[in-house]
Protein backbone atom coordinates (compact mmCIF):
# COMPACT_ATOMS: atom_id res chain seq x y z
CA MET A 1 0.00 0.00 0.00
CA MET A 2 1.41 3.39 -1.01
CA ASN A 3 1.77 5.88 1.83
CA TYR A 4 1.71 9.56 0.83
CA SER A 5 3.09 12.34 3.03
CA ARG A 6 4.19 15.95 2.59
CA TYR A 7 7.92 16.59 2.27
CA GLY A 8 8.59 20.24 3.02
CA GLU A 9 6.60 22.93 1.23
CA ASP A 10 6.98 21.61 -2.32
CA GLY A 11 7.56 17.90 -1.95
CA ILE A 12 5.60 14.66 -1.62
CA HIS A 13 7.13 11.46 -0.27
CA ILE A 14 5.55 8.17 -1.32
CA LEU A 15 6.52 5.03 0.61
CA PHE A 16 5.91 1.75 -1.24
CA GLY A 17 7.03 -0.77 1.38
CA GLU A 18 9.04 -1.39 4.52
CA GLU A 19 11.58 -3.75 2.92
CA ILE A 20 14.04 -3.47 0.06
CA LYS A 21 12.90 -6.17 -2.34
CA ALA A 22 12.15 -6.77 -6.01
CA GLU A 23 8.37 -6.40 -5.65
CA VAL A 24 8.69 -2.97 -4.06
CA SER A 25 11.22 -1.90 -6.69
CA GLU A 26 8.84 -2.99 -9.46
CA SER A 27 5.99 -0.93 -7.94
CA ILE A 28 8.26 2.13 -7.84
CA ARG A 29 9.30 1.52 -11.45
CA ARG A 30 5.65 1.29 -12.54
CA PHE A 31 4.81 4.49 -10.66
CA THR A 32 7.70 6.46 -12.19
CA LEU A 33 6.80 5.24 -15.69
CA PHE A 34 3.26 6.50 -15.05
CA LEU A 35 4.63 9.92 -14.03
CA LYS A 36 6.69 10.03 -17.22
CA SER A 37 3.64 9.13 -19.31
CA VAL A 38 1.30 11.80 -17.90
CA ARG A 39 3.95 14.57 -17.98
CA LEU A 40 2.27 16.84 -15.46
CA PRO A 41 3.69 20.36 -15.89
CA GLU A 42 3.39 20.99 -12.15
CA ILE A 43 5.89 18.23 -11.37
CA ILE A 44 9.43 19.60 -11.52
CA ASP A 45 11.25 16.35 -10.77
CA PHE A 46 10.82 12.96 -9.14
CA ILE A 47 13.49 10.86 -7.48
CA PRO A 48 12.86 7.12 -7.05
CA SER A 49 14.83 5.20 -4.43
CA PHE A 50 14.93 1.83 -2.63
CA ARG A 51 11.47 1.94 -1.02
CA SER A 52 10.11 5.32 -1.97
CA CYS A 53 9.76 8.13 -4.49
CA LEU A 54 10.12 11.85 -3.81
CA ILE A 55 8.20 14.30 -5.99
CA HIS A 56 9.23 17.95 -6.26
CA PHE A 57 6.39 20.11 -7.54
CA ASP A 58 5.75 23.76 -8.47
CA LEU A 59 3.80 25.53 -5.71
CA ARG A 60 2.62 28.12 -8.22
CA GLN A 61 0.70 25.44 -10.15
CA THR A 62 -0.57 23.02 -7.51
CA SER A 63 -0.52 22.00 -3.85
CA SER A 64 0.46 18.79 -2.11
CA GLU A 65 -3.22 18.10 -1.31
CA HIS A 66 -4.31 18.40 -4.95
CA LEU A 67 -1.40 16.39 -6.29
CA ILE A 68 -1.83 13.60 -3.73
CA ALA A 69 -5.55 13.48 -4.52
CA PHE A 70 -4.79 13.16 -8.25
CA LEU A 71 -2.26 10.36 -7.69
CA LYS A 72 -4.60 8.42 -5.42
CA LYS A 73 -7.40 8.79 -7.96
CA SER A 74 -5.02 7.51 -10.65
CA GLN A 75 -4.14 4.31 -8.79
CA ALA A 76 -6.28 2.10 -11.05
CA LYS A 77 -4.56 3.55 -14.12
CA ILE A 78 -1.17 2.98 -12.53
CA ASP A 79 -2.04 -0.65 -11.81
CA ARG A 80 -3.21 -1.22 -15.41
CA LEU A 81 -0.29 0.56 -17.06
CA GLN A 82 1.46 -1.60 -19.63
CA ILE A 83 5.18 -1.37 -18.90
CA PRO A 84 8.12 -2.86 -20.78
CA ASP A 85 10.11 -5.73 -19.35
CA PRO A 86 13.18 -4.63 -17.40
CA VAL A 87 16.34 -4.33 -19.47
CA THR A 88 19.08 -6.83 -18.57
CA HIS A 89 22.68 -5.66 -18.90
CA GLU A 90 25.75 -7.88 -18.89
CA ILE A 91 28.70 -6.14 -17.27
CA PRO A 92 32.14 -7.75 -17.83
CA VAL A 93 34.46 -7.35 -14.85
CA CYS A 94 38.16 -7.95 -14.31
CA TYR A 95 38.57 -9.33 -10.79
CA GLU A 96 42.34 -9.70 -10.91
CA GLY A 97 45.30 -7.82 -9.42
CA GLU A 98 45.10 -4.06 -9.01
CA ASP A 99 41.54 -4.02 -10.33
CA GLY A 100 40.35 -5.70 -7.11
CA PRO A 101 42.38 -4.07 -4.31
CA ASP A 102 40.01 -5.22 -1.53
CA MET A 103 39.63 -8.81 -2.66
CA GLY A 104 42.01 -9.88 0.12
CA PHE A 105 39.85 -8.23 2.77
CA VAL A 106 36.68 -9.76 1.31
CA THR A 107 38.15 -13.28 1.31
CA SER A 108 39.46 -12.85 4.85
CA TYR A 109 36.19 -11.43 6.20
CA SER A 110 33.95 -13.95 4.45
CA GLY A 111 36.17 -17.02 4.72
CA LEU A 112 35.72 -17.60 0.99
CA SER A 113 38.42 -18.12 -1.61
CA ARG A 114 38.95 -15.57 -4.40
CA GLU A 115 37.39 -18.00 -6.86
CA GLU A 116 34.34 -18.48 -4.63
CA VAL A 117 33.87 -14.70 -4.31
CA VAL A 118 33.94 -14.29 -8.09
CA GLU A 119 31.66 -17.27 -8.61
CA LEU A 120 29.08 -15.94 -6.14
CA HIS A 121 29.25 -12.39 -7.49
CA THR A 122 28.71 -13.52 -11.10
CA SER A 123 26.07 -16.15 -10.35
CA LYS A 124 23.14 -13.81 -9.60
CA ILE A 125 21.07 -11.38 -11.63
CA TYR A 126 20.80 -8.17 -9.64
CA THR A 127 18.06 -5.54 -9.53
CA VAL A 128 18.88 -1.83 -9.81
CA PHE A 129 17.19 -0.60 -6.63
CA ALA A 130 18.39 3.00 -6.87
CA VAL A 131 20.66 5.27 -8.89
CA GLY A 132 22.41 8.01 -6.95
CA PHE A 133 25.37 9.12 -4.82
CA MET A 134 26.79 10.38 -8.11
CA PRO A 135 25.29 10.42 -11.63
CA GLY A 136 24.82 6.86 -12.86
CA PHE A 137 25.92 5.02 -9.68
CA PRO A 138 23.71 1.89 -9.37
CA TYR A 139 22.80 0.29 -6.05
CA LEU A 140 22.38 -3.37 -6.95
CA GLY A 141 20.96 -6.17 -4.86
CA THR A 142 20.56 -8.37 -3.26
CA LEU A 143 23.96 -9.98 -2.70
CA ASP A 144 24.39 -13.54 -1.56
CA LYS A 145 24.68 -13.29 2.25
CA ARG A 146 28.05 -15.02 2.10
CA LEU A 147 29.43 -11.91 0.37
CA TYR A 148 28.38 -9.55 3.17
CA VAL A 149 31.19 -7.14 4.07
CA PRO A 150 31.09 -3.76 5.84
CA ARG A 151 32.03 -0.48 4.23
CA MET A 152 35.58 0.72 4.80
CA GLU A 153 36.11 2.50 8.13
CA THR A 154 38.06 5.21 6.30
CA PRO A 155 36.86 5.81 2.72
CA ARG A 156 39.41 6.14 -0.06
CA VAL A 157 40.07 9.60 -1.44
CA LYS A 158 40.05 8.20 -4.99
CA VAL A 159 38.23 5.16 -6.31
CA PRO A 160 38.95 4.58 -10.03
CA GLN A 161 36.17 4.88 -12.60
CA GLY A 162 34.56 1.52 -13.32
CA SER A 163 35.39 0.02 -9.91
CA VAL A 164 32.96 -2.68 -8.78
CA GLY A 165 32.42 -2.81 -5.03
CA LEU A 166 30.58 -4.53 -2.21
CA ALA A 167 28.96 -2.92 0.82
CA GLN A 168 26.80 -4.96 3.19
CA LEU A 169 24.31 -6.80 0.95
CA GLN A 170 24.70 -4.54 -2.08
CA THR A 171 27.07 -4.28 -5.00
CA GLY A 172 27.68 -1.18 -7.09
CA ILE A 173 29.80 0.39 -9.82
CA TYR A 174 31.60 3.74 -9.70
CA PRO A 175 30.77 5.64 -12.94
CA PHE A 176 33.53 8.19 -12.28
CA GLU A 177 36.66 8.50 -10.18
CA SER A 178 35.55 9.69 -6.76
CA PRO A 179 35.96 9.18 -3.02
CA GLY A 180 34.26 6.04 -1.76
CA GLY A 181 34.13 3.44 0.98
CA TRP A 182 32.94 0.27 -0.76
CA GLN A 183 35.16 -2.82 -0.83
CA ILE A 184 36.49 -2.97 -4.41
CA ILE A 185 36.72 -6.45 -5.94
CA GLY A 186 36.97 -5.66 -9.65
CA LYS A 187 36.73 -3.15 -12.47
CA THR A 188 34.71 -2.75 -15.67
CA SER A 189 35.28 -0.66 -18.79
CA VAL A 190 31.52 -0.21 -19.42
CA GLN A 191 30.48 3.46 -19.53
CA LEU A 192 27.64 4.00 -17.07
CA PHE A 193 26.90 7.67 -17.66
CA ASN A 194 26.91 9.73 -20.85
CA TYR A 195 25.68 13.31 -20.55
CA ARG A 196 25.43 13.58 -24.35
CA LYS A 197 22.84 10.82 -24.70
CA GLU A 198 19.50 10.48 -22.92
CA PRO A 199 18.60 8.90 -20.57
CA TYR A 200 22.24 9.63 -19.63
CA SER A 201 22.50 6.79 -17.10
CA LEU A 202 22.94 3.34 -18.64
CA LEU A 203 21.22 1.65 -15.72
CA GLN A 204 17.71 2.64 -14.66
CA ILE A 205 15.68 1.66 -11.62
CA GLY A 206 14.23 -1.81 -12.14
CA ASP A 207 16.85 -2.86 -14.68
CA ARG A 208 18.71 -6.12 -14.19
CA VAL A 209 22.48 -6.60 -14.11
CA LYS A 210 24.48 -9.77 -14.68
CA PHE A 211 28.22 -9.60 -14.01
CA SER A 212 30.59 -11.79 -16.02
CA ARG A 213 34.29 -12.51 -15.66
CA LYS A 214 36.37 -10.54 -18.16
């Protein structure tokens, strides 16, 4: 059940569930595709995330009460909306040497061998639960519990572009060089963000990702 609430003067927060899971992510994807289809001029932007979506609207054109009422009235249309199947992306990764500087920590913490870590990481198809932190950064889940590792106590000042990391039960990819605290186990050459080409980010909420050994 979707839970609507005001978020400041010009925002609406919609909660879709209490847990991070594929069904909740699919509901958020359906909702955002509906927003894209109706193209309401009063909506300035909307930001989907793990369990929710935040709408930023123009106070000069509408109010939170009117917009919430419209969205609730549109629920049947949202439920019937025909949406495309999620896109599945294969991301080749090099897990060797300098491309996986934290592989030693991951094997030590998990008790797994390097080969077992790679096998587990490449054996699942992940859901893009959110895109954020920086343009194009995908939060992918859910990891096999055997790959659970904490974030670094002291984040690196520079994580190379294309680095593939683990943090708790998520895996992600750094689209650009940046600071970061995820445990890096590999690197990909796939470009995740291109400001010259819409929709700019290669990976969208609800997409699927399959890692392969390069």
